[in-house]
Amino acid sequence: MTDADRSADEFEQMILSGASGAGHLLRRLSQLHTQLWRERVTDGLTGPQFTVLSILYLHGVQDQGSLCDRAGVDKSTMASILDRLASRGLVNVEKDVTDARRKVLAITPEGRHRVQQTAPLAVDANNHLLDSLTARDRKAFTHLLERLVAVVDTPQS
């Protein structure tokens, strides 16, 4: 169908759908979560920084590529996150002794302490965001988000 074949009503519906559809709602929900996070986690640690620290806490030493994959973050964003965490003494970043192109990352004792302090606050922010949903709806909602991320994040051949 060409633009000339569409009626003004069809265009209006398309515009409304594009402006208020899933992308808009997901962006708005993300903004609300960020606001809740900032209200609860007042030490300046961001959600993505907490995610990176949590992965290192749970899985130990990682190379930067593996950490990017686990966190769902691109390399340039990860580099920025790591710079901030390293400057605060929360992670150690070293070159791999067998391959100088690779960075090896480890959480510091202060980073471990920060994860332990922040985890309950992160849970509180998530719970507050989803308070209006039943436990069953929360599980279904999270499952649907995971499915969408998995499908959209899969490279197309």
N, C-alpha and C. Protein backbone atom coordinates (compact mmCIF):
# COMPACT_ATOMS: atom_id res chain seq x y z
N MET A 1 0.85 -1.17 0.00
CA MET A 1 0.00 0.00 0.00
C MET A 1 0.90 1.24 0.00
N THR A 2 0.60 2.16 -0.85
CA THR A 2 1.39 3.39 -0.93
C THR A 2 0.75 4.46 -0.05
N ASP A 3 1.51 5.51 0.21
CA ASP A 3 0.98 6.61 1.01
C ASP A 3 -0.28 7.20 0.41
N ALA A 4 -0.34 7.25 -0.91
CA ALA A 4 -1.50 7.82 -1.59
C ALA A 4 -2.75 6.98 -1.36
N ASP A 5 -2.58 5.67 -1.11
CA ASP A 5 -3.71 4.77 -0.91
C ASP A 5 -4.28 4.85 0.52
N ARG A 6 -3.55 5.44 1.42
CA ARG A 6 -3.98 5.50 2.82
C ARG A 6 -4.87 6.72 3.04
N SER A 7 -5.90 6.54 3.84
CA SER A 7 -6.77 7.65 4.17
C SER A 7 -6.17 8.44 5.34
N ALA A 8 -6.74 9.61 5.56
CA ALA A 8 -6.28 10.44 6.67
C ALA A 8 -6.50 9.71 8.00
N ASP A 9 -7.60 8.95 8.11
CA ASP A 9 -7.87 8.19 9.34
C ASP A 9 -6.83 7.10 9.55
N GLU A 10 -6.42 6.43 8.47
CA GLU A 10 -5.40 5.39 8.59
C GLU A 10 -4.07 5.99 9.05
N PHE A 11 -3.72 7.15 8.50
CA PHE A 11 -2.49 7.82 8.93
C PHE A 11 -2.57 8.22 10.40
N GLU A 12 -3.73 8.74 10.79
CA GLU A 12 -3.89 9.14 12.18
C GLU A 12 -3.74 7.94 13.11
N GLN A 13 -4.35 6.81 12.74
CA GLN A 13 -4.22 5.60 13.55
C GLN A 13 -2.76 5.13 13.60
N MET A 14 -2.07 5.22 12.47
CA MET A 14 -0.67 4.81 12.41
C MET A 14 0.17 5.71 13.31
N ILE A 15 -0.08 7.00 13.25
CA ILE A 15 0.67 7.96 14.07
C ILE A 15 0.41 7.70 15.55
N LEU A 16 -0.84 7.51 15.92
CA LEU A 16 -1.19 7.24 17.32
C LEU A 16 -0.53 5.95 17.79
N SER A 17 -0.56 4.93 16.96
CA SER A 17 0.05 3.65 17.32
C SER A 17 1.55 3.79 17.50
N GLY A 18 2.18 4.53 16.61
CA GLY A 18 3.62 4.72 16.70
C GLY A 18 4.03 5.56 17.88
N ALA A 19 3.21 6.54 18.24
CA ALA A 19 3.55 7.47 19.31
C ALA A 19 3.16 6.96 20.69
N SER A 20 2.24 6.02 20.75
CA SER A 20 1.77 5.57 22.07
C SER A 20 1.82 4.06 22.21
N GLY A 21 2.56 3.40 21.35
CA GLY A 21 2.63 1.94 21.38
C GLY A 21 3.63 1.41 22.39
N ALA A 22 4.07 0.19 22.15
CA ALA A 22 4.95 -0.51 23.08
C ALA A 22 6.24 0.27 23.35
N GLY A 23 6.85 0.84 22.32
CA GLY A 23 8.10 1.57 22.51
C GLY A 23 7.92 2.73 23.47
N HIS A 24 6.85 3.48 23.29
CA HIS A 24 6.57 4.61 24.18
C HIS A 24 6.36 4.12 25.62
N LEU A 25 5.56 3.07 25.76
CA LEU A 25 5.26 2.57 27.11
C LEU A 25 6.51 2.00 27.78
N LEU A 26 7.33 1.29 27.03
CA LEU A 26 8.57 0.76 27.60
C LEU A 26 9.52 1.89 28.01
N ARG A 27 9.62 2.91 27.19
CA ARG A 27 10.46 4.07 27.52
C ARG A 27 9.93 4.76 28.77
N ARG A 28 8.63 4.93 28.87
CA ARG A 28 8.02 5.57 30.04
C ARG A 28 8.25 4.73 31.30
N LEU A 29 8.07 3.43 31.18
CA LEU A 29 8.30 2.53 32.32
C LEU A 29 9.77 2.59 32.75
N SER A 30 10.67 2.67 31.79
CA SER A 30 12.09 2.80 32.10
C SER A 30 12.37 4.11 32.84
N GLN A 31 11.73 5.19 32.41
CA GLN A 31 11.90 6.48 33.09
C GLN A 31 11.40 6.40 34.53
N LEU A 32 10.26 5.75 34.72
CA LEU A 32 9.72 5.61 36.07
C LEU A 32 10.63 4.76 36.94
N HIS A 33 11.17 3.69 36.37
CA HIS A 33 12.10 2.85 37.14
C HIS A 33 13.36 3.63 37.51
N THR A 34 13.87 4.41 36.58
CA THR A 34 15.06 5.22 36.87
C THR A 34 14.77 6.20 37.99
N GLN A 35 13.60 6.80 37.98
CA GLN A 35 13.21 7.72 39.05
C GLN A 35 13.14 6.99 40.39
N LEU A 36 12.51 5.81 40.41
CA LEU A 36 12.43 5.02 41.65
C LEU A 36 13.83 4.64 42.12
N TRP A 37 14.70 4.26 41.18
CA TRP A 37 16.07 3.87 41.51
C TRP A 37 16.79 5.04 42.20
N ARG A 38 16.70 6.21 41.59
CA ARG A 38 17.39 7.39 42.13
C ARG A 38 16.88 7.78 43.52
N GLU A 39 15.58 7.56 43.76
CA GLU A 39 15.01 7.87 45.06
C GLU A 39 15.51 6.92 46.14
N ARG A 40 15.81 5.68 45.76
CA ARG A 40 16.19 4.66 46.72
C ARG A 40 17.71 4.47 46.84
N VAL A 41 18.40 4.53 45.71
CA VAL A 41 19.85 4.32 45.70
C VAL A 41 20.49 5.70 45.59
N THR A 42 20.85 6.24 46.73
CA THR A 42 21.27 7.64 46.78
C THR A 42 22.79 7.81 46.76
N ASP A 43 23.54 6.73 46.56
CA ASP A 43 25.00 6.85 46.55
C ASP A 43 25.58 7.08 45.16
N GLY A 44 24.73 7.29 44.17
CA GLY A 44 25.19 7.58 42.82
C GLY A 44 25.41 6.37 41.94
N LEU A 45 25.22 5.17 42.48
CA LEU A 45 25.36 3.96 41.67
C LEU A 45 24.13 3.83 40.77
N THR A 46 24.36 3.69 39.46
CA THR A 46 23.25 3.57 38.52
C THR A 46 22.82 2.11 38.37
N GLY A 47 21.66 1.91 37.77
CA GLY A 47 21.18 0.55 37.52
C GLY A 47 22.16 -0.27 36.68
N PRO A 48 22.64 0.27 35.55
CA PRO A 48 23.61 -0.49 34.75
C PRO A 48 24.91 -0.78 35.51
N GLN A 49 25.36 0.15 36.33
CA GLN A 49 26.56 -0.10 37.13
C GLN A 49 26.30 -1.22 38.13
N PHE A 50 25.13 -1.22 38.76
CA PHE A 50 24.77 -2.27 39.70
C PHE A 50 24.71 -3.62 38.98
N THR A 51 24.16 -3.64 37.77
CA THR A 51 24.09 -4.88 37.01
C THR A 51 25.49 -5.44 36.78
N VAL A 52 26.41 -4.59 36.35
CA VAL A 52 27.79 -5.03 36.08
C VAL A 52 28.44 -5.54 37.37
N LEU A 53 28.32 -4.79 38.44
CA LEU A 53 28.88 -5.24 39.72
C LEU A 53 28.26 -6.56 40.17
N SER A 54 26.96 -6.71 39.98
CA SER A 54 26.27 -7.94 40.40
C SER A 54 26.77 -9.15 39.61
N ILE A 55 26.99 -8.96 38.33
CA ILE A 55 27.51 -10.07 37.51
C ILE A 55 28.89 -10.47 38.00
N LEU A 56 29.74 -9.51 38.27
CA LEU A 56 31.08 -9.82 38.78
C LEU A 56 31.00 -10.45 40.17
N TYR A 57 30.07 -10.00 40.98
CA TYR A 57 29.87 -10.56 42.32
C TYR A 57 29.46 -12.03 42.22
N LEU A 58 28.52 -12.32 41.33
CA LEU A 58 27.97 -13.67 41.23
C LEU A 58 28.84 -14.64 40.42
N HIS A 59 29.54 -14.12 39.40
CA HIS A 59 30.25 -15.00 38.46
C HIS A 59 31.77 -14.87 38.50
N GLY A 60 32.28 -13.95 39.29
CA GLY A 60 33.73 -13.81 39.42
C GLY A 60 34.35 -13.08 38.24
N VAL A 61 35.65 -13.25 38.12
CA VAL A 61 36.45 -12.55 37.11
C VAL A 61 35.89 -12.83 35.71
N GLN A 62 35.80 -11.76 34.90
CA GLN A 62 35.25 -11.86 33.55
C GLN A 62 36.13 -11.06 32.60
N ASP A 63 36.17 -11.48 31.34
CA ASP A 63 36.75 -10.59 30.33
C ASP A 63 35.64 -9.63 29.90
N GLN A 64 36.02 -8.52 29.29
CA GLN A 64 35.04 -7.48 28.97
C GLN A 64 33.98 -7.98 27.99
N GLY A 65 34.34 -8.79 27.02
CA GLY A 65 33.37 -9.31 26.06
C GLY A 65 32.31 -10.17 26.73
N SER A 66 32.73 -11.05 27.63
CA SER A 66 31.78 -11.91 28.35
C SER A 66 30.86 -11.07 29.24
N LEU A 67 31.44 -10.07 29.87
CA LEU A 67 30.65 -9.19 30.72
C LEU A 67 29.61 -8.42 29.90
N CYS A 68 30.00 -7.96 28.72
CA CYS A 68 29.06 -7.29 27.82
C CYS A 68 27.90 -8.21 27.48
N ASP A 69 28.21 -9.45 27.14
CA ASP A 69 27.17 -10.41 26.78
C ASP A 69 26.21 -10.66 27.94
N ARG A 70 26.76 -10.88 29.12
CA ARG A 70 25.91 -11.17 30.29
C ARG A 70 25.05 -9.98 30.67
N ALA A 71 25.61 -8.78 30.54
CA ALA A 71 24.88 -7.57 30.95
C ALA A 71 23.97 -7.03 29.84
N GLY A 72 24.15 -7.51 28.61
CA GLY A 72 23.36 -6.98 27.50
C GLY A 72 23.72 -5.55 27.18
N VAL A 73 25.03 -5.25 27.24
CA VAL A 73 25.52 -3.89 27.03
C VAL A 73 26.58 -3.92 25.93
N ASP A 74 26.58 -2.90 25.05
CA ASP A 74 27.60 -2.84 24.00
C ASP A 74 28.95 -2.45 24.60
N LYS A 75 30.01 -2.67 23.83
CA LYS A 75 31.37 -2.48 24.34
C LYS A 75 31.67 -1.04 24.73
N SER A 76 31.20 -0.07 23.96
CA SER A 76 31.51 1.33 24.30
C SER A 76 30.79 1.75 25.58
N THR A 77 29.55 1.31 25.74
CA THR A 77 28.82 1.62 26.98
C THR A 77 29.50 0.93 28.16
N MET A 78 29.91 -0.32 27.96
CA MET A 78 30.58 -1.06 29.02
C MET A 78 31.87 -0.35 29.43
N ALA A 79 32.62 0.14 28.44
CA ALA A 79 33.88 0.84 28.75
C ALA A 79 33.61 2.03 29.65
N SER A 80 32.55 2.77 29.38
CA SER A 80 32.18 3.93 30.19
C SER A 80 31.79 3.50 31.60
N ILE A 81 30.99 2.47 31.71
CA ILE A 81 30.58 1.95 33.02
C ILE A 81 31.80 1.51 33.82
N LEU A 82 32.70 0.78 33.17
CA LEU A 82 33.88 0.27 33.86
C LEU A 82 34.80 1.40 34.31
N ASP A 83 34.94 2.42 33.48
CA ASP A 83 35.76 3.57 33.87
C ASP A 83 35.22 4.19 35.16
N ARG A 84 33.91 4.35 35.23
CA ARG A 84 33.30 4.96 36.42
C ARG A 84 33.46 4.06 37.65
N LEU A 85 33.23 2.76 37.45
CA LEU A 85 33.36 1.84 38.58
C LEU A 85 34.80 1.74 39.06
N ALA A 86 35.74 1.71 38.11
CA ALA A 86 37.16 1.63 38.48
C ALA A 86 37.60 2.90 39.21
N SER A 87 37.12 4.05 38.76
CA SER A 87 37.52 5.31 39.40
C SER A 87 37.00 5.40 40.83
N ARG A 88 35.95 4.66 41.13
CA ARG A 88 35.38 4.63 42.48
C ARG A 88 35.94 3.47 43.31
N GLY A 89 36.86 2.70 42.72
CA GLY A 89 37.48 1.60 43.45
C GLY A 89 36.58 0.38 43.61
N LEU A 90 35.59 0.22 42.72
CA LEU A 90 34.64 -0.88 42.83
C LEU A 90 35.01 -2.07 41.95
N VAL A 91 35.80 -1.84 40.92
CA VAL A 91 36.30 -2.93 40.07
C VAL A 91 37.77 -2.68 39.75
N ASN A 92 38.47 -3.78 39.50
CA ASN A 92 39.83 -3.72 38.99
C ASN A 92 39.78 -4.10 37.52
N VAL A 93 40.45 -3.31 36.69
CA VAL A 93 40.53 -3.57 35.25
C VAL A 93 42.00 -3.78 34.92
N GLU A 94 42.31 -4.97 34.39
CA GLU A 94 43.68 -5.28 34.03
C GLU A 94 43.72 -5.88 32.63
N LYS A 95 44.88 -5.78 31.99
CA LYS A 95 45.06 -6.43 30.69
C LYS A 95 45.32 -7.91 30.94
N ASP A 96 44.79 -8.73 30.07
CA ASP A 96 45.00 -10.17 30.15
C ASP A 96 46.48 -10.45 29.88
N VAL A 97 47.10 -11.28 30.72
CA VAL A 97 48.53 -11.56 30.55
C VAL A 97 48.81 -12.38 29.29
N THR A 98 47.80 -13.10 28.79
CA THR A 98 48.00 -13.91 27.58
C THR A 98 47.58 -13.19 26.31
N ASP A 99 46.77 -12.12 26.45
CA ASP A 99 46.30 -11.37 25.28
C ASP A 99 46.09 -9.91 25.72
N ALA A 100 47.04 -9.06 25.42
CA ALA A 100 47.02 -7.67 25.88
C ALA A 100 45.83 -6.89 25.34
N ARG A 101 45.15 -7.41 24.31
CA ARG A 101 43.97 -6.71 23.77
C ARG A 101 42.75 -6.90 24.66
N ARG A 102 42.76 -7.93 25.49
CA ARG A 102 41.61 -8.24 26.35
C ARG A 102 41.76 -7.58 27.72
N LYS A 103 40.63 -7.12 28.24
CA LYS A 103 40.59 -6.59 29.60
C LYS A 103 39.95 -7.64 30.49
N VAL A 104 40.57 -7.84 31.66
CA VAL A 104 40.05 -8.76 32.65
C VAL A 104 39.54 -7.94 33.83
N LEU A 105 38.35 -8.26 34.28
CA LEU A 105 37.67 -7.44 35.28
C LEU A 105 37.35 -8.26 36.52
N ALA A 106 37.57 -7.64 37.66
CA ALA A 106 37.27 -8.28 38.93
C ALA A 106 36.65 -7.25 39.87
N ILE A 107 35.72 -7.71 40.68
CA ILE A 107 35.11 -6.84 41.67
C ILE A 107 36.05 -6.72 42.86
N THR A 108 36.11 -5.53 43.44
CA THR A 108 36.95 -5.30 44.62
C THR A 108 36.13 -5.59 45.89
N PRO A 109 36.78 -5.68 47.02
CA PRO A 109 36.02 -5.85 48.27
C PRO A 109 35.00 -4.72 48.48
N GLU A 110 35.38 -3.49 48.14
CA GLU A 110 34.43 -2.37 48.25
C GLU A 110 33.25 -2.57 47.28
N GLY A 111 33.54 -3.08 46.09
CA GLY A 111 32.47 -3.37 45.12
C GLY A 111 31.52 -4.44 45.64
N ARG A 112 32.06 -5.47 46.27
CA ARG A 112 31.22 -6.53 46.86
C ARG A 112 30.33 -5.94 47.95
N HIS A 113 30.92 -5.08 48.77
CA HIS A 113 30.16 -4.43 49.84
C HIS A 113 29.03 -3.59 49.26
N ARG A 114 29.32 -2.86 48.18
CA ARG A 114 28.32 -2.00 47.54
C ARG A 114 27.17 -2.84 46.97
N VAL A 115 27.47 -3.99 46.38
CA VAL A 115 26.41 -4.87 45.87
C VAL A 115 25.52 -5.32 47.02
N GLN A 116 26.13 -5.71 48.13
CA GLN A 116 25.35 -6.17 49.29
C GLN A 116 24.47 -5.06 49.85
N GLN A 117 24.95 -3.83 49.83
CA GLN A 117 24.16 -2.69 50.31
C GLN A 117 23.04 -2.34 49.34
N THR A 118 23.31 -2.45 48.06
CA THR A 118 22.38 -1.96 47.04
C THR A 118 21.31 -2.98 46.67
N ALA A 119 21.60 -4.27 46.78
CA ALA A 119 20.64 -5.29 46.35
C ALA A 119 19.25 -5.12 46.97
N PRO A 120 19.13 -4.91 48.28
CA PRO A 120 17.77 -4.72 48.83
C PRO A 120 17.08 -3.47 48.29
N LEU A 121 17.85 -2.43 47.99
CA LEU A 121 17.27 -1.20 47.45
C LEU A 121 16.79 -1.43 46.02
N ALA A 122 17.56 -2.22 45.25
CA ALA A 122 17.16 -2.55 43.87
C ALA A 122 15.88 -3.37 43.87
N VAL A 123 15.79 -4.33 44.78
CA VAL A 123 14.57 -5.14 44.90
C VAL A 123 13.39 -4.25 45.27
N ASP A 124 13.62 -3.32 46.18
CA ASP A 124 12.55 -2.41 46.59
C ASP A 124 12.06 -1.57 45.41
N ALA A 125 12.99 -1.06 44.61
CA ALA A 125 12.60 -0.26 43.43
C ALA A 125 11.78 -1.11 42.46
N ASN A 126 12.23 -2.32 42.20
CA ASN A 126 11.49 -3.21 41.29
C ASN A 126 10.12 -3.55 41.85
N ASN A 127 10.06 -3.87 43.14
CA ASN A 127 8.78 -4.20 43.75
C ASN A 127 7.82 -3.03 43.70
N HIS A 128 8.31 -1.84 43.98
CA HIS A 128 7.45 -0.66 43.93
C HIS A 128 6.91 -0.43 42.53
N LEU A 129 7.75 -0.64 41.54
CA LEU A 129 7.34 -0.47 40.14
C LEU A 129 6.20 -1.43 39.78
N LEU A 130 6.26 -2.63 40.32
CA LEU A 130 5.31 -3.68 39.94
C LEU A 130 4.25 -3.94 41.02
N ASP A 131 4.15 -3.06 42.00
CA ASP A 131 3.22 -3.25 43.13
C ASP A 131 1.79 -3.56 42.70
N SER A 132 1.33 -2.95 41.64
CA SER A 132 -0.07 -3.10 41.26
C SER A 132 -0.36 -4.44 40.58
N LEU A 133 0.68 -5.22 40.30
CA LEU A 133 0.49 -6.51 39.65
C LEU A 133 0.48 -7.65 40.67
N THR A 134 -0.33 -8.65 40.39
CA THR A 134 -0.30 -9.84 41.24
C THR A 134 1.02 -10.58 40.99
N ALA A 135 1.34 -11.51 41.86
CA ALA A 135 2.57 -12.30 41.69
C ALA A 135 2.55 -13.02 40.34
N ARG A 136 1.40 -13.53 39.97
CA ARG A 136 1.27 -14.23 38.69
C ARG A 136 1.50 -13.27 37.51
N ASP A 137 0.91 -12.07 37.59
CA ASP A 137 1.08 -11.07 36.54
C ASP A 137 2.53 -10.60 36.45
N ARG A 138 3.19 -10.44 37.60
CA ARG A 138 4.60 -10.05 37.60
C ARG A 138 5.44 -11.08 36.86
N LYS A 139 5.18 -12.34 37.16
CA LYS A 139 5.94 -13.42 36.51
C LYS A 139 5.67 -13.42 35.01
N ALA A 140 4.42 -13.27 34.62
CA ALA A 140 4.05 -13.25 33.19
C ALA A 140 4.67 -12.03 32.50
N PHE A 141 4.60 -10.88 33.15
CA PHE A 141 5.16 -9.66 32.58
C PHE A 141 6.66 -9.81 32.36
N THR A 142 7.35 -10.29 33.37
CA THR A 142 8.80 -10.49 33.26
C THR A 142 9.12 -11.50 32.17
N HIS A 143 8.35 -12.56 32.09
CA HIS A 143 8.56 -13.57 31.04
C HIS A 143 8.38 -12.96 29.65
N LEU A 144 7.36 -12.15 29.48
CA LEU A 144 7.13 -11.51 28.18
C LEU A 144 8.26 -10.56 27.82
N LEU A 145 8.75 -9.79 28.80
CA LEU A 145 9.88 -8.90 28.54
C LEU A 145 11.12 -9.71 28.13
N GLU A 146 11.38 -10.81 28.83
CA GLU A 146 12.53 -11.66 28.50
C GLU A 146 12.40 -12.22 27.08
N ARG A 147 11.19 -12.64 26.71
CA ARG A 147 10.95 -13.15 25.35
C ARG A 147 11.21 -12.09 24.30
N LEU A 148 10.70 -10.90 24.54
CA LEU A 148 10.89 -9.81 23.59
C LEU A 148 12.37 -9.47 23.43
N VAL A 149 13.07 -9.37 24.54
CA VAL A 149 14.50 -9.06 24.48
C VAL A 149 15.24 -10.16 23.72
N ALA A 150 14.92 -11.41 23.99
CA ALA A 150 15.60 -12.52 23.32
C ALA A 150 15.36 -12.50 21.81
N VAL A 151 14.14 -12.21 21.40
CA VAL A 151 13.83 -12.19 19.96
C VAL A 151 14.46 -11.00 19.28
N VAL A 152 14.32 -9.83 19.86
CA VAL A 152 14.82 -8.61 19.24
C VAL A 152 16.35 -8.57 19.27
N ASP A 153 16.95 -9.15 20.31
CA ASP A 153 18.41 -9.11 20.49
C ASP A 153 19.13 -10.19 19.69
N THR A 154 18.38 -11.10 19.07
CA THR A 154 18.99 -12.16 18.28
C THR A 154 19.43 -11.60 16.94
N PRO A 155 20.72 -11.78 16.59
CA PRO A 155 21.19 -11.27 15.29
C PRO A 155 20.41 -11.92 14.13
N GLN A 156 20.06 -11.11 13.18
CA GLN A 156 19.35 -11.60 12.00
C GLN A 156 20.36 -12.05 10.96
N SER A 157 20.13 -13.20 10.33
CA SER A 157 21.07 -13.67 9.31
C SER A 157 20.65 -13.26 7.92
